[in-house]
Amino acid sequence: AANAVVRASAFFDAKTDGLTKEWPGRVFLNPPYAPPLVSQFSAKFREEFHAGRMTQGIALVNNATETKWFQELASCASAIAFPLGRIQFWHPSKTSIPLQGQAIVYAGPNAANFRRVFGAFGLTVLL
């Protein structure tokens, strides 16, 4: 249902197992937040970026800055945004608000543009 709004040219879900696919071009990642999947998807994001297949990427994750997976994800980032307040997640039949804050991690060559756009939502740090 979300892809009807986003209109991504490729969309991976639990059925298509995105961990086994290549992620070419521009990528948006909203990983499963449960362990160990959040670690696995964060590692895949970093791997695809370092391999050069992903040219730019945004990952929307919990701001679990103390975790190993977050530290490793941030290591490939050009910028990170920390929204003021919690993000309301859209679903066709409901809206949900997570129990903790989020971080929007950007990997790619356009960090200044990312900061210009996402700075309106909270603290944005260039790395």
C-alpha atoms as a PDB file:
ATOM      1  CA  ALA A   1       0.000   0.000   0.000  1.00  0.00           C
ATOM      2  CA  ALA A   2       2.842   2.411   0.789  1.00  0.00           C
ATOM      3  CA  ASN A   3       4.318   2.041  -2.673  1.00  0.00           C
ATOM      4  CA  ALA A   4       1.086   3.373  -4.182  1.00  0.00           C
ATOM      5  CA  VAL A   5       2.095   6.669  -2.551  1.00  0.00           C
ATOM      6  CA  VAL A   6       5.891   6.421  -2.947  1.00  0.00           C
ATOM      7  CA  ARG A   7       5.875   4.906  -6.471  1.00  0.00           C
ATOM      8  CA  ALA A   8       9.314   3.322  -6.197  1.00  0.00           C
ATOM      9  CA  SER A   9      10.513   1.501  -9.301  1.00  0.00           C
ATOM     10  CA  ALA A  10      11.574  -1.439  -7.098  1.00  0.00           C
ATOM     11  CA  PHE A  11      10.064  -2.333  -3.747  1.00  0.00           C
ATOM     12  CA  PHE A  12      11.206  -5.072  -1.396  1.00  0.00           C
ATOM     13  CA  ASP A  13       9.125  -6.449   1.441  1.00  0.00           C
ATOM     14  CA  ALA A  14       9.245  -9.563   3.622  1.00  0.00           C
ATOM     15  CA  LYS A  15       8.124 -11.729   0.696  1.00  0.00           C
ATOM     16  CA  THR A  16      10.851 -10.527  -1.685  1.00  0.00           C
ATOM     17  CA  ASP A  17      13.654 -10.564   0.945  1.00  0.00           C
ATOM     18  CA  GLY A  18      15.521  -7.333   0.225  1.00  0.00           C
ATOM     19  CA  LEU A  19      18.613  -8.635   1.999  1.00  0.00           C
ATOM     20  CA  THR A  20      19.282 -10.953  -0.949  1.00  0.00           C
ATOM     21  CA  LYS A  21      18.897  -8.281  -3.640  1.00  0.00           C
ATOM     22  CA  GLU A  22      21.191  -5.553  -4.962  1.00  0.00           C
ATOM     23  CA  TRP A  23      20.044  -1.993  -4.213  1.00  0.00           C
ATOM     24  CA  PRO A  24      21.101   0.100  -7.226  1.00  0.00           C
ATOM     25  CA  GLY A  25      20.672   3.862  -7.533  1.00  0.00           C
ATOM     26  CA  ARG A  26      18.750   5.897  -4.973  1.00  0.00           C
ATOM     27  CA  VAL A  27      17.419   3.976  -1.977  1.00  0.00           C
ATOM     28  CA  PHE A  28      14.969   4.683   0.825  1.00  0.00           C
ATOM     29  CA  LEU A  29      15.184   2.223   3.710  1.00  0.00           C
ATOM     30  CA  ASN A  30      12.634   1.884   6.483  1.00  0.00           C
ATOM     31  CA  PRO A  31      13.871  -1.375   7.980  1.00  0.00           C
ATOM     32  CA  PRO A  32      12.045  -3.681  10.337  1.00  0.00           C
ATOM     33  CA  TYR A  33      12.890  -2.222  13.748  1.00  0.00           C
ATOM     34  CA  ALA A  34      13.101  -5.575  15.554  1.00  0.00           C
ATOM     35  CA  PRO A  35      16.448  -7.263  16.147  1.00  0.00           C
ATOM     36  CA  PRO A  36      18.235  -8.842  14.376  1.00  0.00           C
ATOM     37  CA  LEU A  37      16.587  -7.447  11.213  1.00  0.00           C
ATOM     38  CA  VAL A  38      17.386  -3.800  11.940  1.00  0.00           C
ATOM     39  CA  SER A  39      21.078  -4.729  12.204  1.00  0.00           C
ATOM     40  CA  GLN A  40      20.968  -6.809   9.021  1.00  0.00           C
ATOM     41  CA  PHE A  41      19.224  -4.128   6.950  1.00  0.00           C
ATOM     42  CA  SER A  42      21.518  -1.392   8.283  1.00  0.00           C
ATOM     43  CA  ALA A  43      24.544  -3.504   7.335  1.00  0.00           C
ATOM     44  CA  LYS A  44      23.066  -4.080   3.857  1.00  0.00           C
ATOM     45  CA  PHE A  45      22.549  -0.305   3.406  1.00  0.00           C
ATOM     46  CA  ARG A  46      26.194   0.328   4.310  1.00  0.00           C
ATOM     47  CA  GLU A  47      27.396  -2.555   2.092  1.00  0.00           C
ATOM     48  CA  GLU A  48      25.437  -1.353  -0.953  1.00  0.00           C
ATOM     49  CA  PHE A  49      26.734   2.203  -0.521  1.00  0.00           C
ATOM     50  CA  HIS A  50      30.368   1.169  -0.114  1.00  0.00           C
ATOM     51  CA  ALA A  51      30.073  -1.176  -3.116  1.00  0.00           C
ATOM     52  CA  GLY A  52      28.937   1.787  -5.227  1.00  0.00           C
ATOM     53  CA  ARG A  53      25.629   0.199  -6.234  1.00  0.00           C
ATOM     54  CA  MET A  54      23.627   2.630  -4.102  1.00  0.00           C
ATOM     55  CA  THR A  55      24.459   6.162  -5.242  1.00  0.00           C
ATOM     56  CA  GLN A  56      22.397   7.894  -2.556  1.00  0.00           C
ATOM     57  CA  GLY A  57      20.374   6.543   0.309  1.00  0.00           C
ATOM     58  CA  ILE A  58      18.168   7.589   3.178  1.00  0.00           C
ATOM     59  CA  ALA A  59      17.528   5.267   6.100  1.00  0.00           C
ATOM     60  CA  LEU A  60      14.763   6.025   8.601  1.00  0.00           C
ATOM     61  CA  VAL A  61      15.631   4.286  11.863  1.00  0.00           C
ATOM     62  CA  ASN A  62      15.169   4.633  15.598  1.00  0.00           C
ATOM     63  CA  ASN A  63      17.729   7.021  17.061  1.00  0.00           C
ATOM     64  CA  ALA A  64      19.371   4.192  18.978  1.00  0.00           C
ATOM     65  CA  THR A  65      22.742   5.933  18.907  1.00  0.00           C
ATOM     66  CA  GLU A  66      24.194   3.616  21.548  1.00  0.00           C
ATOM     67  CA  THR A  67      23.793   0.476  19.447  1.00  0.00           C
ATOM     68  CA  LYS A  68      26.427  -1.139  17.277  1.00  0.00           C
ATOM     69  CA  TRP A  69      24.140  -1.194  14.218  1.00  0.00           C
ATOM     70  CA  PHE A  70      23.441   2.552  14.495  1.00  0.00           C
ATOM     71  CA  GLN A  71      27.130   3.376  14.900  1.00  0.00           C
ATOM     72  CA  GLU A  72      27.979   1.267  11.833  1.00  0.00           C
ATOM     73  CA  LEU A  73      25.150   2.818   9.796  1.00  0.00           C
ATOM     74  CA  ALA A  74      26.267   6.325  10.796  1.00  0.00           C
ATOM     75  CA  SER A  75      29.821   5.497   9.694  1.00  0.00           C
ATOM     76  CA  CYS A  76      28.746   5.679   6.032  1.00  0.00           C
ATOM     77  CA  ALA A  77      26.588   8.781   6.490  1.00  0.00           C
ATOM     78  CA  SER A  78      27.198  12.200   4.980  1.00  0.00           C
ATOM     79  CA  ALA A  79      24.507  13.729   7.210  1.00  0.00           C
ATOM     80  CA  ILE A  80      22.016  12.720   9.885  1.00  0.00           C
ATOM     81  CA  ALA A  81      18.781  14.464  10.832  1.00  0.00           C
ATOM     82  CA  PHE A  82      17.230  14.127  14.279  1.00  0.00           C
ATOM     83  CA  PRO A  83      13.596  15.245  13.941  1.00  0.00           C
ATOM     84  CA  LEU A  84      12.062  17.314  16.700  1.00  0.00           C
ATOM     85  CA  GLY A  85       9.286  15.119  18.037  1.00  0.00           C
ATOM     86  CA  ARG A  86       8.345  11.639  16.975  1.00  0.00           C
ATOM     87  CA  ILE A  87       7.411  10.758  13.428  1.00  0.00           C
ATOM     88  CA  GLN A  88       3.864   9.608  12.798  1.00  0.00           C
ATOM     89  CA  PHE A  89       3.990   6.540  10.585  1.00  0.00           C
ATOM     90  CA  TRP A  90       1.354   6.274   7.877  1.00  0.00           C
ATOM     91  CA  HIS A  91      -0.646   3.148   7.257  1.00  0.00           C
ATOM     92  CA  PRO A  92      -3.757   2.858   5.056  1.00  0.00           C
ATOM     93  CA  SER A  93      -5.968   2.181   8.070  1.00  0.00           C
ATOM     94  CA  LYS A  94      -4.161   3.867  10.983  1.00  0.00           C
ATOM     95  CA  THR A  95      -1.461   6.253  12.137  1.00  0.00           C
ATOM     96  CA  SER A  96       1.055   5.128  14.715  1.00  0.00           C
ATOM     97  CA  ILE A  97       3.624   6.965  16.787  1.00  0.00           C
ATOM     98  CA  PRO A  98       6.740   5.057  17.891  1.00  0.00           C
ATOM     99  CA  LEU A  99       7.919   4.901  21.477  1.00  0.00           C
ATOM    100  CA  GLN A 100      11.234   6.623  20.733  1.00  0.00           C
ATOM    101  CA  GLY A 101      12.641   9.247  18.414  1.00  0.00           C
ATOM    102  CA  GLN A 102      14.001   8.595  14.960  1.00  0.00           C
ATOM    103  CA  ALA A 103      17.044   9.472  12.911  1.00  0.00           C
ATOM    104  CA  ILE A 104      17.175  10.010   9.179  1.00  0.00           C
ATOM    105  CA  VAL A 105      20.566   8.880   7.905  1.00  0.00           C
ATOM    106  CA  TYR A 106      21.775  10.147   4.522  1.00  0.00           C
ATOM    107  CA  ALA A 107      24.620   8.593   2.531  1.00  0.00           C
ATOM    108  CA  GLY A 108      25.619  10.322  -0.676  1.00  0.00           C
ATOM    109  CA  PRO A 109      27.164  13.400  -2.286  1.00  0.00           C
ATOM    110  CA  ASN A 110      24.365  15.894  -1.585  1.00  0.00           C
ATOM    111  CA  ALA A 111      24.648  16.403   2.175  1.00  0.00           C
ATOM    112  CA  ALA A 112      24.158  20.175   1.944  1.00  0.00           C
ATOM    113  CA  ASN A 113      20.876  19.705   0.078  1.00  0.00           C
ATOM    114  CA  PHE A 114      19.789  17.043   2.588  1.00  0.00           C
ATOM    115  CA  ARG A 115      20.491  19.513   5.402  1.00  0.00           C
ATOM    116  CA  ARG A 116      18.553  22.274   3.639  1.00  0.00           C
ATOM    117  CA  VAL A 117      15.473  20.060   3.248  1.00  0.00           C
ATOM    118  CA  PHE A 118      15.549  18.085   6.502  1.00  0.00           C
ATOM    119  CA  GLY A 119      16.780  20.969   8.658  1.00  0.00           C
ATOM    120  CA  ALA A 120      13.180  22.206   8.752  1.00  0.00           C
ATOM    121  CA  PHE A 121      12.268  19.154  10.837  1.00  0.00           C
ATOM    122  CA  GLY A 122      14.968  19.323  13.523  1.00  0.00           C
ATOM    123  CA  LEU A 123      18.700  19.127  14.149  1.00  0.00           C
ATOM    124  CA  THR A 124      20.684  18.091  11.078  1.00  0.00           C
ATOM    125  CA  VAL A 125      24.374  17.295  11.311  1.00  0.00           C
ATOM    126  CA  LEU A 126      26.814  17.107   8.403  1.00  0.00           C
ATOM    127  CA  LEU A 127      29.502  14.459   8.802  1.00  0.00           C
END
